[in-house]
């Protein structure tokens, strides 16, 4: 990734022609992704009351983390090809990422057959890295315009015809497939193009700046830069390690005593409202019923595992809780 003479400046002495600040940024994105995956694992293993990774803020965080990685992919493409297109390096890089994506698909088919990853972030990076190559010779303003159109496309083009499973990778249908990681080309290819346009404009400036010449001095910054230089390997290893460690914790501690309760309350209240209950009373009844089921040791049973007697008892508790919430009866003893 050596810099051309026209971009010579304070960062020319950077090891291998890399910008340490970009490596650190990539390392920080990896740390954020590991934090998100740890949150998902805690919820999946029922070590927390609910899976916060699937909440509204969790989904926003996931999009921001994925977007930061894909912007850095675009910047990296500019860095990699600044001295001219490098077909051999491009093919080697594509092969590594595509191979890793295939490995993720195979592993998740075995581990999560109902929600395996068929087009996650690595799949998107592999395909987007090839689709973005022609834009390396396009003015940044045009690339930025195309990026905006790609990002907006799901809202502008979404159509049931594009809901065919074979076209899910496009992201232009109206359905969201059941998968643990879904990063379709639209809108996410647009963030790669945005990063590419940013790199075309900002990298020459960075090459002449003090920030471009910066090298990490502290152990934390050095570790982040090292992680950024080996991001693919760390991406592949960190989630299996996290899942293994937290599975061990779950085996020792068992699930959180309130695991699933927030979701139960939401579902109960929604069903109650649909059948004519008032929102306030339904929320109170949901909380009361969940507490009563726990108290009577019915919470650990899945609904389909209820015996007829347990089913009747759960219904009785629910009815008493709802009547109490309406002020017509006392809470169940």
C-alpha atoms as a PDB file:
ATOM      1  CA  UNK A   1       0.000   0.000   0.000  1.00  0.00           C
ATOM      2  CA  UNK A   2       2.816   2.439  -0.761  1.00  0.00           C
ATOM      3  CA  UNK A   3       1.856   6.026  -1.426  1.00  0.00           C
ATOM      4  CA  UNK A   4       2.560   7.687  -4.777  1.00  0.00           C
ATOM      5  CA  UNK A   5       5.078  10.499  -4.906  1.00  0.00           C
ATOM      6  CA  UNK A   6       2.319  13.050  -5.458  1.00  0.00           C
ATOM      7  CA  UNK A   7       0.965  12.246  -2.014  1.00  0.00           C
ATOM      8  CA  UNK A   8       4.335  12.345  -0.277  1.00  0.00           C
ATOM      9  CA  UNK A   9       4.254  13.929   3.127  1.00  0.00           C
ATOM     10  CA  UNK A  10       4.731  13.364   6.833  1.00  0.00           C
ATOM     11  CA  UNK A  11       3.181   9.881   6.726  1.00  0.00           C
ATOM     12  CA  UNK A  12       5.603   8.489   4.121  1.00  0.00           C
ATOM     13  CA  UNK A  13       7.536   6.739   6.853  1.00  0.00           C
ATOM     14  CA  UNK A  14       4.438   4.837   8.045  1.00  0.00           C
ATOM     15  CA  UNK A  15       5.155   1.157   8.356  1.00  0.00           C
ATOM     16  CA  UNK A  16       4.162  -0.558   5.135  1.00  0.00           C
ATOM     17  CA  UNK A  17       2.579   2.649   3.866  1.00  0.00           C
ATOM     18  CA  UNK A  18      -0.356   2.156   6.269  1.00  0.00           C
ATOM     19  CA  UNK A  19      -2.106   4.842   8.240  1.00  0.00           C
ATOM     20  CA  UNK A  20      -2.053   3.822  11.883  1.00  0.00           C
ATOM     21  CA  UNK A  21      -5.103   5.956  12.595  1.00  0.00           C
ATOM     22  CA  UNK A  22      -7.151   3.873  10.132  1.00  0.00           C
ATOM     23  CA  UNK A  23      -5.918   0.640  11.695  1.00  0.00           C
ATOM     24  CA  UNK A  24      -6.962   1.965  15.105  1.00  0.00           C
ATOM     25  CA  UNK A  25     -10.370   2.966  13.741  1.00  0.00           C
ATOM     26  CA  UNK A  26     -10.823  -0.549  12.384  1.00  0.00           C
ATOM     27  CA  UNK A  27      -9.736  -1.987  15.738  1.00  0.00           C
ATOM     28  CA  UNK A  28     -12.265   0.217  17.540  1.00  0.00           C
ATOM     29  CA  UNK A  29     -15.001  -1.020  15.190  1.00  0.00           C
ATOM     30  CA  UNK A  30     -13.978  -4.603  15.994  1.00  0.00           C
ATOM     31  CA  UNK A  31     -14.235  -3.876  19.718  1.00  0.00           C
ATOM     32  CA  UNK A  32     -17.721  -2.411  19.230  1.00  0.00           C
ATOM     33  CA  UNK A  33     -18.748  -5.464  17.196  1.00  0.00           C
ATOM     34  CA  UNK A  34     -17.423  -7.813  19.893  1.00  0.00           C
ATOM     35  CA  UNK A  35     -19.450  -5.883  22.467  1.00  0.00           C
ATOM     36  CA  UNK A  36     -22.579  -6.209  20.347  1.00  0.00           C
ATOM     37  CA  UNK A  37     -22.013  -9.938  19.820  1.00  0.00           C
ATOM     38  CA  UNK A  38     -21.439 -10.435  23.564  1.00  0.00           C
ATOM     39  CA  UNK A  39     -24.762  -8.691  24.218  1.00  0.00           C
ATOM     40  CA  UNK A  40     -26.482 -10.953  21.680  1.00  0.00           C
ATOM     41  CA  UNK A  41     -24.885 -14.059  23.193  1.00  0.00           C
ATOM     42  CA  UNK A  42     -26.008 -13.090  26.709  1.00  0.00           C
ATOM     43  CA  UNK A  43     -29.582 -12.768  25.480  1.00  0.00           C
ATOM     44  CA  UNK A  44     -29.444 -15.917  23.344  1.00  0.00           C
ATOM     45  CA  UNK A  45     -28.167 -17.949  26.308  1.00  0.00           C
ATOM     46  CA  UNK A  46     -30.823 -16.340  28.552  1.00  0.00           C
ATOM     47  CA  UNK A  47     -28.228 -14.845  30.877  1.00  0.00           C
ATOM     48  CA  UNK A  48     -30.064 -11.516  30.715  1.00  0.00           C
ATOM     49  CA  UNK A  49     -33.816 -10.878  31.097  1.00  0.00           C
ATOM     50  CA  UNK A  50     -34.076 -10.086  27.384  1.00  0.00           C
ATOM     51  CA  UNK A  51     -31.837  -9.891  24.347  1.00  0.00           C
ATOM     52  CA  UNK A  52     -30.867  -6.227  24.334  1.00  0.00           C
ATOM     53  CA  UNK A  53     -29.085  -6.682  20.998  1.00  0.00           C
ATOM     54  CA  UNK A  54     -32.510  -7.136  19.398  1.00  0.00           C
ATOM     55  CA  UNK A  55     -34.019  -4.031  21.012  1.00  0.00           C
ATOM     56  CA  UNK A  56     -34.439  -0.718  19.194  1.00  0.00           C
ATOM     57  CA  UNK A  57     -31.160   0.760  20.509  1.00  0.00           C
ATOM     58  CA  UNK A  58     -29.425  -2.566  19.869  1.00  0.00           C
ATOM     59  CA  UNK A  59     -30.484  -2.550  16.226  1.00  0.00           C
ATOM     60  CA  UNK A  60     -29.293   1.053  15.830  1.00  0.00           C
ATOM     61  CA  UNK A  61     -25.934   0.077  17.321  1.00  0.00           C
ATOM     62  CA  UNK A  62     -25.682  -2.898  14.943  1.00  0.00           C
ATOM     63  CA  UNK A  63     -26.320  -0.655  11.933  1.00  0.00           C
ATOM     64  CA  UNK A  64     -23.751   1.917  13.094  1.00  0.00           C
ATOM     65  CA  UNK A  65     -21.113  -0.767  13.649  1.00  0.00           C
ATOM     66  CA  UNK A  66     -21.763  -2.444  10.280  1.00  0.00           C
ATOM     67  CA  UNK A  67     -21.771   0.955   8.566  1.00  0.00           C
ATOM     68  CA  UNK A  68     -18.409   1.890  10.098  1.00  0.00           C
ATOM     69  CA  UNK A  69     -16.844  -1.357   8.849  1.00  0.00           C
ATOM     70  CA  UNK A  70     -18.192  -0.855   5.335  1.00  0.00           C
ATOM     71  CA  UNK A  71     -17.065   2.776   5.170  1.00  0.00           C
ATOM     72  CA  UNK A  72     -13.591   1.567   6.167  1.00  0.00           C
ATOM     73  CA  UNK A  73     -13.787  -1.051   3.385  1.00  0.00           C
ATOM     74  CA  UNK A  74     -14.281   1.746   0.857  1.00  0.00           C
ATOM     75  CA  UNK A  75     -11.392   3.734   2.314  1.00  0.00           C
ATOM     76  CA  UNK A  76      -9.230   0.607   2.256  1.00  0.00           C
ATOM     77  CA  UNK A  77      -9.943   0.054  -1.443  1.00  0.00           C
ATOM     78  CA  UNK A  78      -8.626   3.533  -2.204  1.00  0.00           C
ATOM     79  CA  UNK A  79      -5.506   2.914  -0.122  1.00  0.00           C
ATOM     80  CA  UNK A  80      -4.889  -0.475  -1.692  1.00  0.00           C
ATOM     81  CA  UNK A  81      -5.071   0.799  -5.269  1.00  0.00           C
ATOM     82  CA  UNK A  82      -3.603   4.294  -5.033  1.00  0.00           C
ATOM     83  CA  UNK A  83      -0.661   3.388  -7.232  1.00  0.00           C
ATOM     84  CA  UNK A  84      -2.923   1.770  -9.810  1.00  0.00           C
ATOM     85  CA  UNK A  85      -5.259  -1.192  -9.913  1.00  0.00           C
ATOM     86  CA  UNK A  86      -3.648  -4.314  -8.418  1.00  0.00           C
ATOM     87  CA  UNK A  87      -5.549  -7.317  -9.857  1.00  0.00           C
ATOM     88  CA  UNK A  88      -3.527  -9.988  -8.090  1.00  0.00           C
ATOM     89  CA  UNK A  89      -3.846  -8.359  -4.668  1.00  0.00           C
ATOM     90  CA  UNK A  90      -7.556  -7.752  -5.305  1.00  0.00           C
ATOM     91  CA  UNK A  91      -8.191 -11.395  -6.192  1.00  0.00           C
ATOM     92  CA  UNK A  92      -6.225 -12.689  -3.201  1.00  0.00           C
ATOM     93  CA  UNK A  93      -8.134 -10.366  -0.870  1.00  0.00           C
ATOM     94  CA  UNK A  94     -11.461 -11.352  -2.429  1.00  0.00           C
ATOM     95  CA  UNK A  95     -10.627 -15.046  -2.097  1.00  0.00           C
ATOM     96  CA  UNK A  96      -9.823 -14.680   1.597  1.00  0.00           C
ATOM     97  CA  UNK A  97     -12.982 -12.734   2.409  1.00  0.00           C
ATOM     98  CA  UNK A  98     -15.245 -14.912   0.234  1.00  0.00           C
ATOM     99  CA  UNK A  99     -13.743 -18.044   1.775  1.00  0.00           C
ATOM    100  CA  UNK A 100     -14.348 -16.666   5.254  1.00  0.00           C
ATOM    101  CA  UNK A 101     -17.938 -15.804   4.294  1.00  0.00           C
ATOM    102  CA  UNK A 102     -18.504 -19.349   3.055  1.00  0.00           C
ATOM    103  CA  UNK A 103     -17.072 -20.682   6.317  1.00  0.00           C
ATOM    104  CA  UNK A 104     -19.538 -18.512   8.258  1.00  0.00           C
ATOM    105  CA  UNK A 105     -22.432 -19.852   6.183  1.00  0.00           C
ATOM    106  CA  UNK A 106     -21.430 -23.486   6.709  1.00  0.00           C
ATOM    107  CA  UNK A 107     -20.858 -23.001  10.452  1.00  0.00           C
ATOM    108  CA  UNK A 108     -24.198 -21.259  10.985  1.00  0.00           C
ATOM    109  CA  UNK A 109     -26.078 -23.860   8.926  1.00  0.00           C
ATOM    110  CA  UNK A 110     -24.823 -26.405  11.451  1.00  0.00           C
ATOM    111  CA  UNK A 111     -25.341 -24.249  14.551  1.00  0.00           C
ATOM    112  CA  UNK A 112     -28.488 -22.294  13.616  1.00  0.00           C
ATOM    113  CA  UNK A 113     -30.209 -24.121  10.742  1.00  0.00           C
ATOM    114  CA  UNK A 114     -33.367 -21.998  11.042  1.00  0.00           C
ATOM    115  CA  UNK A 115     -31.523 -18.671  10.909  1.00  0.00           C
ATOM    116  CA  UNK A 116     -28.179 -19.363   9.263  1.00  0.00           C
ATOM    117  CA  UNK A 117     -26.200 -16.509   7.700  1.00  0.00           C
ATOM    118  CA  UNK A 118     -26.430 -16.551   3.913  1.00  0.00           C
ATOM    119  CA  UNK A 119     -25.533 -12.900   3.226  1.00  0.00           C
ATOM    120  CA  UNK A 120     -23.946 -11.261   6.218  1.00  0.00           C
ATOM    121  CA  UNK A 121     -21.327  -8.565   6.511  1.00  0.00           C
ATOM    122  CA  UNK A 122     -18.470 -10.668   5.071  1.00  0.00           C
ATOM    123  CA  UNK A 123     -20.587 -11.657   2.061  1.00  0.00           C
ATOM    124  CA  UNK A 124     -21.455  -7.999   1.532  1.00  0.00           C
ATOM    125  CA  UNK A 125     -17.807  -6.921   1.835  1.00  0.00           C
ATOM    126  CA  UNK A 126     -16.664  -9.541  -0.683  1.00  0.00           C
ATOM    127  CA  UNK A 127     -19.241  -8.626  -3.342  1.00  0.00           C
ATOM    128  CA  UNK A 128     -19.107  -4.870  -2.694  1.00  0.00           C
ATOM    129  CA  UNK A 129     -15.310  -4.849  -2.992  1.00  0.00           C
ATOM    130  CA  UNK A 130     -15.619  -6.082  -6.579  1.00  0.00           C
ATOM    131  CA  UNK A 131     -18.591  -3.881  -7.503  1.00  0.00           C
ATOM    132  CA  UNK A 132     -16.780  -0.806  -6.178  1.00  0.00           C
ATOM    133  CA  UNK A 133     -13.661  -1.225  -8.327  1.00  0.00           C
ATOM    134  CA  UNK A 134     -14.931   0.812 -11.327  1.00  0.00           C
ATOM    135  CA  UNK A 135     -15.597   3.745  -8.992  1.00  0.00           C
ATOM    136  CA  UNK A 136     -11.889   4.039  -8.204  1.00  0.00           C
ATOM    137  CA  UNK A 137     -11.577   5.961 -11.492  1.00  0.00           C
ATOM    138  CA  UNK A 138     -14.780   7.985 -11.080  1.00  0.00           C
ATOM    139  CA  UNK A 139     -14.883  11.511  -9.608  1.00  0.00           C
ATOM    140  CA  UNK A 140     -15.801  11.453  -5.890  1.00  0.00           C
ATOM    141  CA  UNK A 141     -18.918  13.577  -6.469  1.00  0.00           C
ATOM    142  CA  UNK A 142     -20.371  10.958  -8.832  1.00  0.00           C
ATOM    143  CA  UNK A 143     -19.457   8.133  -6.438  1.00  0.00           C
ATOM    144  CA  UNK A 144     -21.141   9.980  -3.553  1.00  0.00           C
ATOM    145  CA  UNK A 145     -24.278  10.504  -5.659  1.00  0.00           C
ATOM    146  CA  UNK A 146     -24.465   6.807  -6.556  1.00  0.00           C
ATOM    147  CA  UNK A 147     -23.867   5.960  -2.887  1.00  0.00           C
ATOM    148  CA  UNK A 148     -26.868   8.084  -1.876  1.00  0.00           C
ATOM    149  CA  UNK A 149     -29.064   6.391  -4.497  1.00  0.00           C
ATOM    150  CA  UNK A 150     -28.008   2.908  -3.384  1.00  0.00           C
ATOM    151  CA  UNK A 151     -28.737   3.771   0.252  1.00  0.00           C
ATOM    152  CA  UNK A 152     -32.159   5.146  -0.676  1.00  0.00           C
ATOM    153  CA  UNK A 153     -33.033   2.294  -3.071  1.00  0.00           C
ATOM    154  CA  UNK A 154     -34.825   0.000  -0.553  1.00  0.00           C
ATOM    155  CA  UNK A 155     -37.361   2.752   0.141  1.00  0.00           C
ATOM    156  CA  UNK A 156     -37.700   3.720  -3.505  1.00  0.00           C
ATOM    157  CA  UNK A 157     -37.683   0.349  -5.245  1.00  0.00           C
ATOM    158  CA  UNK A 158     -39.047  -2.189  -2.698  1.00  0.00           C
ATOM    159  CA  UNK A 159     -41.451  -4.525  -4.488  1.00  0.00           C
ATOM    160  CA  UNK A 160     -43.013  -7.962  -3.757  1.00  0.00           C
ATOM    161  CA  UNK A 161     -41.493  -9.347  -6.990  1.00  0.00           C
ATOM    162  CA  UNK A 162     -38.102  -8.953  -5.303  1.00  0.00           C
ATOM    163  CA  UNK A 163     -39.153 -11.025  -2.282  1.00  0.00           C
ATOM    164  CA  UNK A 164     -37.997 -14.247  -3.945  1.00  0.00           C
ATOM    165  CA  UNK A 165     -35.472 -15.994  -1.643  1.00  0.00           C
ATOM    166  CA  UNK A 166     -32.918 -16.065  -4.471  1.00  0.00           C
ATOM    167  CA  UNK A 167     -33.021 -12.242  -4.481  1.00  0.00           C
ATOM    168  CA  UNK A 168     -32.817 -11.685  -0.731  1.00  0.00           C
ATOM    169  CA  UNK A 169     -29.152 -10.691  -1.101  1.00  0.00           C
ATOM    170  CA  UNK A 170     -30.267  -7.533  -2.919  1.00  0.00           C
ATOM    171  CA  UNK A 171     -32.362  -6.225  -0.019  1.00  0.00           C
ATOM    172  CA  UNK A 172     -34.961  -4.708  -2.345  1.00  0.00           C
ATOM    173  CA  UNK A 173     -37.937  -6.853  -1.342  1.00  0.00           C
ATOM    174  CA  UNK A 174     -40.487  -6.147   1.362  1.00  0.00           C
ATOM    175  CA  UNK A 175     -39.718  -9.209   3.478  1.00  0.00           C
ATOM    176  CA  UNK A 176     -36.889  -9.573   5.961  1.00  0.00           C
ATOM    177  CA  UNK A 177     -35.494 -13.110   5.924  1.00  0.00           C
ATOM    178  CA  UNK A 178     -34.882 -15.004   9.147  1.00  0.00           C
ATOM    179  CA  UNK A 179     -31.122 -14.908   9.564  1.00  0.00           C
ATOM    180  CA  UNK A 180     -28.679 -13.979  12.310  1.00  0.00           C
ATOM    181  CA  UNK A 181     -26.797 -11.453  10.172  1.00  0.00           C
ATOM    182  CA  UNK A 182     -28.357  -9.737   7.163  1.00  0.00           C
ATOM    183  CA  UNK A 183     -26.339  -7.110   5.277  1.00  0.00           C
ATOM    184  CA  UNK A 184     -27.842  -6.947   1.756  1.00  0.00           C
ATOM    185  CA  UNK A 185     -26.253  -4.984  -1.074  1.00  0.00           C
ATOM    186  CA  UNK A 186     -28.966  -2.342  -0.893  1.00  0.00           C
ATOM    187  CA  UNK A 187     -28.458  -0.161   1.106  1.00  0.00           C
ATOM    188  CA  UNK A 188     -25.088  -1.369   2.418  1.00  0.00           C
ATOM    189  CA  UNK A 189     -23.120  -1.239  -0.828  1.00  0.00           C
ATOM    190  CA  UNK A 190     -23.875   2.472  -0.657  1.00  0.00           C
ATOM    191  CA  UNK A 191     -21.834   2.812   2.534  1.00  0.00           C
ATOM    192  CA  UNK A 192     -18.846   1.182   0.812  1.00  0.00           C
ATOM    193  CA  UNK A 193     -19.166   3.714  -2.007  1.00  0.00           C
ATOM    194  CA  UNK A 194     -19.483   6.502   0.560  1.00  0.00           C
ATOM    195  CA  UNK A 195     -16.237   5.315   2.168  1.00  0.00           C
ATOM    196  CA  UNK A 196     -14.574   5.142  -1.242  1.00  0.00           C
ATOM    197  CA  UNK A 197     -15.595   8.723  -2.067  1.00  0.00           C
ATOM    198  CA  UNK A 198     -14.434   9.834   1.380  1.00  0.00           C
ATOM    199  CA  UNK A 199     -11.108   8.093   0.853  1.00  0.00           C
ATOM    200  CA  UNK A 200     -10.583   9.747  -2.523  1.00  0.00           C
ATOM    201  CA  UNK A 201     -11.092  13.171  -0.985  1.00  0.00           C
ATOM    202  CA  UNK A 202      -9.606  12.749   2.489  1.00  0.00           C
ATOM    203  CA  UNK A 203      -6.628  10.415   2.082  1.00  0.00           C
ATOM    204  CA  UNK A 204      -4.440  12.898   0.179  1.00  0.00           C
ATOM    205  CA  UNK A 205      -5.102  15.399   2.969  1.00  0.00           C
ATOM    206  CA  UNK A 206      -4.417  12.779   5.636  1.00  0.00           C
ATOM    207  CA  UNK A 207      -1.127  11.833   3.939  1.00  0.00           C
ATOM    208  CA  UNK A 208       0.123  15.407   4.405  1.00  0.00           C
ATOM    209  CA  UNK A 209      -1.159  15.837   7.939  1.00  0.00           C
ATOM    210  CA  UNK A 210       0.273  15.187  11.383  1.00  0.00           C
ATOM    211  CA  UNK A 211      -2.524  12.719  11.994  1.00  0.00           C
ATOM    212  CA  UNK A 212      -1.312  10.727   9.003  1.00  0.00           C
ATOM    213  CA  UNK A 213       2.141  10.521  10.602  1.00  0.00           C
ATOM    214  CA  UNK A 214       0.773   9.493  13.993  1.00  0.00           C
ATOM    215  CA  UNK A 215       1.886   6.204  15.533  1.00  0.00           C
ATOM    216  CA  UNK A 216       0.261   4.587  18.565  1.00  0.00           C
ATOM    217  CA  UNK A 217       2.329   4.798  21.727  1.00  0.00           C
ATOM    218  CA  UNK A 218       0.092   3.420  24.476  1.00  0.00           C
ATOM    219  CA  UNK A 219      -0.569  -0.312  24.893  1.00  0.00           C
ATOM    220  CA  UNK A 220      -4.294   0.165  24.197  1.00  0.00           C
ATOM    221  CA  UNK A 221      -3.682   2.102  20.984  1.00  0.00           C
ATOM    222  CA  UNK A 222      -1.087  -0.435  19.840  1.00  0.00           C
ATOM    223  CA  UNK A 223      -3.465  -3.298  20.540  1.00  0.00           C
ATOM    224  CA  UNK A 224      -6.222  -1.541  18.572  1.00  0.00           C
ATOM    225  CA  UNK A 225      -3.871  -0.971  15.629  1.00  0.00           C
ATOM    226  CA  UNK A 226      -2.738  -4.608  15.721  1.00  0.00           C
ATOM    227  CA  UNK A 227      -6.355  -5.765  15.758  1.00  0.00           C
ATOM    228  CA  UNK A 228      -7.120  -3.450  12.848  1.00  0.00           C
ATOM    229  CA  UNK A 229      -4.330  -5.001  10.794  1.00  0.00           C
ATOM    230  CA  UNK A 230      -5.721  -8.503  11.410  1.00  0.00           C
ATOM    231  CA  UNK A 231      -9.424  -7.711  11.431  1.00  0.00           C
ATOM    232  CA  UNK A 232     -10.575 -10.700   9.369  1.00  0.00           C
ATOM    233  CA  UNK A 233      -8.900 -13.274  11.617  1.00  0.00           C
ATOM    234  CA  UNK A 234     -10.240 -11.594  14.754  1.00  0.00           C
ATOM    235  CA  UNK A 235     -13.722 -11.363  13.251  1.00  0.00           C
ATOM    236  CA  UNK A 236     -13.751 -15.112  12.567  1.00  0.00           C
ATOM    237  CA  UNK A 237     -12.427 -16.099  15.995  1.00  0.00           C
ATOM    238  CA  UNK A 238     -14.067 -13.723  18.459  1.00  0.00           C
ATOM    239  CA  UNK A 239     -17.704 -14.886  18.246  1.00  0.00           C
ATOM    240  CA  UNK A 240     -17.024 -18.636  18.684  1.00  0.00           C
ATOM    241  CA  UNK A 241     -14.790 -17.784  21.663  1.00  0.00           C
ATOM    242  CA  UNK A 242     -17.410 -15.506  23.218  1.00  0.00           C
ATOM    243  CA  UNK A 243     -20.147 -18.084  22.698  1.00  0.00           C
ATOM    244  CA  UNK A 244     -18.017 -20.862  24.189  1.00  0.00           C
ATOM    245  CA  UNK A 245     -17.071 -18.852  27.285  1.00  0.00           C
ATOM    246  CA  UNK A 246     -20.596 -17.576  27.928  1.00  0.00           C
ATOM    247  CA  UNK A 247     -22.068 -21.042  27.318  1.00  0.00           C
ATOM    248  CA  UNK A 248     -19.799 -22.262  30.096  1.00  0.00           C
ATOM    249  CA  UNK A 249     -21.081 -19.482  32.345  1.00  0.00           C
ATOM    250  CA  UNK A 250     -24.688 -20.388  31.512  1.00  0.00           C
ATOM    251  CA  UNK A 251     -23.992 -24.046  32.289  1.00  0.00           C
ATOM    252  CA  UNK A 252     -22.705 -23.112  35.750  1.00  0.00           C
ATOM    253  CA  UNK A 253     -25.184 -20.380  36.680  1.00  0.00           C
ATOM    254  CA  UNK A 254     -28.284 -21.423  34.752  1.00  0.00           C
ATOM    255  CA  UNK A 255     -30.512 -18.858  33.023  1.00  0.00           C
ATOM    256  CA  UNK A 256     -31.368 -15.497  34.511  1.00  0.00           C
ATOM    257  CA  UNK A 257     -34.412 -15.845  36.746  1.00  0.00           C
ATOM    258  CA  UNK A 258     -36.209 -13.154  34.763  1.00  0.00           C
ATOM    259  CA  UNK A 259     -35.129 -14.354  31.328  1.00  0.00           C
ATOM    260  CA  UNK A 260     -37.954 -13.921  28.845  1.00  0.00           C
ATOM    261  CA  UNK A 261     -40.129 -11.921  31.220  1.00  0.00           C
ATOM    262  CA  UNK A 262     -40.019  -8.561  29.380  1.00  0.00           C
ATOM    263  CA  UNK A 263     -40.950 -10.309  26.109  1.00  0.00           C
ATOM    264  CA  UNK A 264     -43.755 -12.215  27.863  1.00  0.00           C
ATOM    265  CA  UNK A 265     -45.142  -8.987  29.284  1.00  0.00           C
ATOM    266  CA  UNK A 266     -45.093  -7.280  25.893  1.00  0.00           C
ATOM    267  CA  UNK A 267     -46.782 -10.212  24.153  1.00  0.00           C
ATOM    268  CA  UNK A 268     -49.352 -10.608  26.926  1.00  0.00           C
ATOM    269  CA  UNK A 269     -50.244  -6.904  26.866  1.00  0.00           C
ATOM    270  CA  UNK A 270     -50.495  -6.875  23.063  1.00  0.00           C
ATOM    271  CA  UNK A 271     -52.814  -9.922  23.028  1.00  0.00           C
ATOM    272  CA  UNK A 272     -54.871  -8.473  25.867  1.00  0.00           C
ATOM    273  CA  UNK A 273     -55.354  -5.187  24.004  1.00  0.00           C
ATOM    274  CA  UNK A 274     -56.302  -7.030  20.803  1.00  0.00           C
ATOM    275  CA  UNK A 275     -59.062  -8.848  22.677  1.00  0.00           C
ATOM    276  CA  UNK A 276     -60.577  -5.619  23.995  1.00  0.00           C
ATOM    277  CA  UNK A 277     -58.657  -4.853  27.177  1.00  0.00           C
ATOM    278  CA  UNK A 278     -57.607  -1.339  28.063  1.00  0.00           C
ATOM    279  CA  UNK A 279     -53.863  -0.650  27.585  1.00  0.00           C
ATOM    280  CA  UNK A 280     -53.295   0.330  31.210  1.00  0.00           C
ATOM    281  CA  UNK A 281     -55.070  -2.695  32.645  1.00  0.00           C
ATOM    282  CA  UNK A 282     -53.355  -5.029  30.194  1.00  0.00           C
ATOM    283  CA  UNK A 283     -49.904  -3.798  31.197  1.00  0.00           C
ATOM    284  CA  UNK A 284     -50.694  -4.276  34.896  1.00  0.00           C
ATOM    285  CA  UNK A 285     -52.158  -7.734  34.241  1.00  0.00           C
ATOM    286  CA  UNK A 286     -49.086  -8.721  32.215  1.00  0.00           C
ATOM    287  CA  UNK A 287     -46.752  -7.842  35.080  1.00  0.00           C
ATOM    288  CA  UNK A 288     -48.994  -9.558  37.631  1.00  0.00           C
ATOM    289  CA  UNK A 289     -49.315 -12.738  35.558  1.00  0.00           C
ATOM    290  CA  UNK A 290     -45.582 -13.034  34.953  1.00  0.00           C
ATOM    291  CA  UNK A 291     -44.874 -12.624  38.682  1.00  0.00           C
ATOM    292  CA  UNK A 292     -47.602 -15.147  39.579  1.00  0.00           C
ATOM    293  CA  UNK A 293     -46.247 -17.740  37.133  1.00  0.00           C
ATOM    294  CA  UNK A 294     -42.779 -17.357  38.604  1.00  0.00           C
ATOM    295  CA  UNK A 295     -44.078 -17.546  42.135  1.00  0.00           C
ATOM    296  CA  UNK A 296     -46.010 -20.769  41.414  1.00  0.00           C
ATOM    297  CA  UNK A 297     -43.040 -22.299  39.560  1.00  0.00           C
ATOM    298  CA  UNK A 298     -44.856 -22.323  36.239  1.00  0.00           C
ATOM    299  CA  UNK A 299     -42.484 -19.888  34.592  1.00  0.00           C
ATOM    300  CA  UNK A 300     -39.931 -22.541  33.649  1.00  0.00           C
ATOM    301  CA  UNK A 301     -42.479 -24.446  31.578  1.00  0.00           C
ATOM    302  CA  UNK A 302     -42.895 -23.588  27.913  1.00  0.00           C
ATOM    303  CA  UNK A 303     -46.613 -23.250  27.015  1.00  0.00           C
ATOM    304  CA  UNK A 304     -46.539 -26.392  24.876  1.00  0.00           C
ATOM    305  CA  UNK A 305     -45.117 -28.340  27.840  1.00  0.00           C
ATOM    306  CA  UNK A 306     -48.015 -27.448  30.168  1.00  0.00           C
ATOM    307  CA  UNK A 307     -50.008 -30.358  31.489  1.00  0.00           C
ATOM    308  CA  UNK A 308     -53.799 -29.806  31.406  1.00  0.00           C
ATOM    309  CA  UNK A 309     -53.704 -28.958  35.112  1.00  0.00           C
ATOM    310  CA  UNK A 310     -50.878 -26.465  34.631  1.00  0.00           C
ATOM    311  CA  UNK A 311     -52.673 -24.890  31.691  1.00  0.00           C
ATOM    312  CA  UNK A 312     -55.806 -24.392  33.803  1.00  0.00           C
ATOM    313  CA  UNK A 313     -53.767 -22.919  36.653  1.00  0.00           C
ATOM    314  CA  UNK A 314     -51.977 -20.492  34.330  1.00  0.00           C
ATOM    315  CA  UNK A 315     -55.310 -19.399  32.869  1.00  0.00           C
ATOM    316  CA  UNK A 316     -56.732 -18.922  36.365  1.00  0.00           C
ATOM    317  CA  UNK A 317     -53.807 -16.765  37.427  1.00  0.00           C
ATOM    318  CA  UNK A 318     -54.075 -14.704  34.240  1.00  0.00           C
ATOM    319  CA  UNK A 319     -57.812 -14.160  34.726  1.00  0.00           C
ATOM    320  CA  UNK A 320     -57.390 -13.171  38.355  1.00  0.00           C
ATOM    321  CA  UNK A 321     -54.602 -10.757  37.452  1.00  0.00           C
ATOM    322  CA  UNK A 322     -56.713  -9.120  34.765  1.00  0.00           C
ATOM    323  CA  UNK A 323     -59.736  -8.814  37.050  1.00  0.00           C
ATOM    324  CA  UNK A 324     -57.506  -7.300  39.717  1.00  0.00           C
ATOM    325  CA  UNK A 325     -56.096  -4.844  37.220  1.00  0.00           C
ATOM    326  CA  UNK A 326     -59.630  -3.714  36.426  1.00  0.00           C
ATOM    327  CA  UNK A 327     -60.324  -3.239  40.121  1.00  0.00           C
ATOM    328  CA  UNK A 328     -62.972  -5.985  40.251  1.00  0.00           C
ATOM    329  CA  UNK A 329     -61.060  -8.485  42.351  1.00  0.00           C
ATOM    330  CA  UNK A 330     -58.064  -8.710  44.638  1.00  0.00           C
ATOM    331  CA  UNK A 331     -54.727  -9.976  43.260  1.00  0.00           C
ATOM    332  CA  UNK A 332     -54.322 -13.764  43.368  1.00  0.00           C
ATOM    333  CA  UNK A 333     -53.152 -15.027  46.792  1.00  0.00           C
END
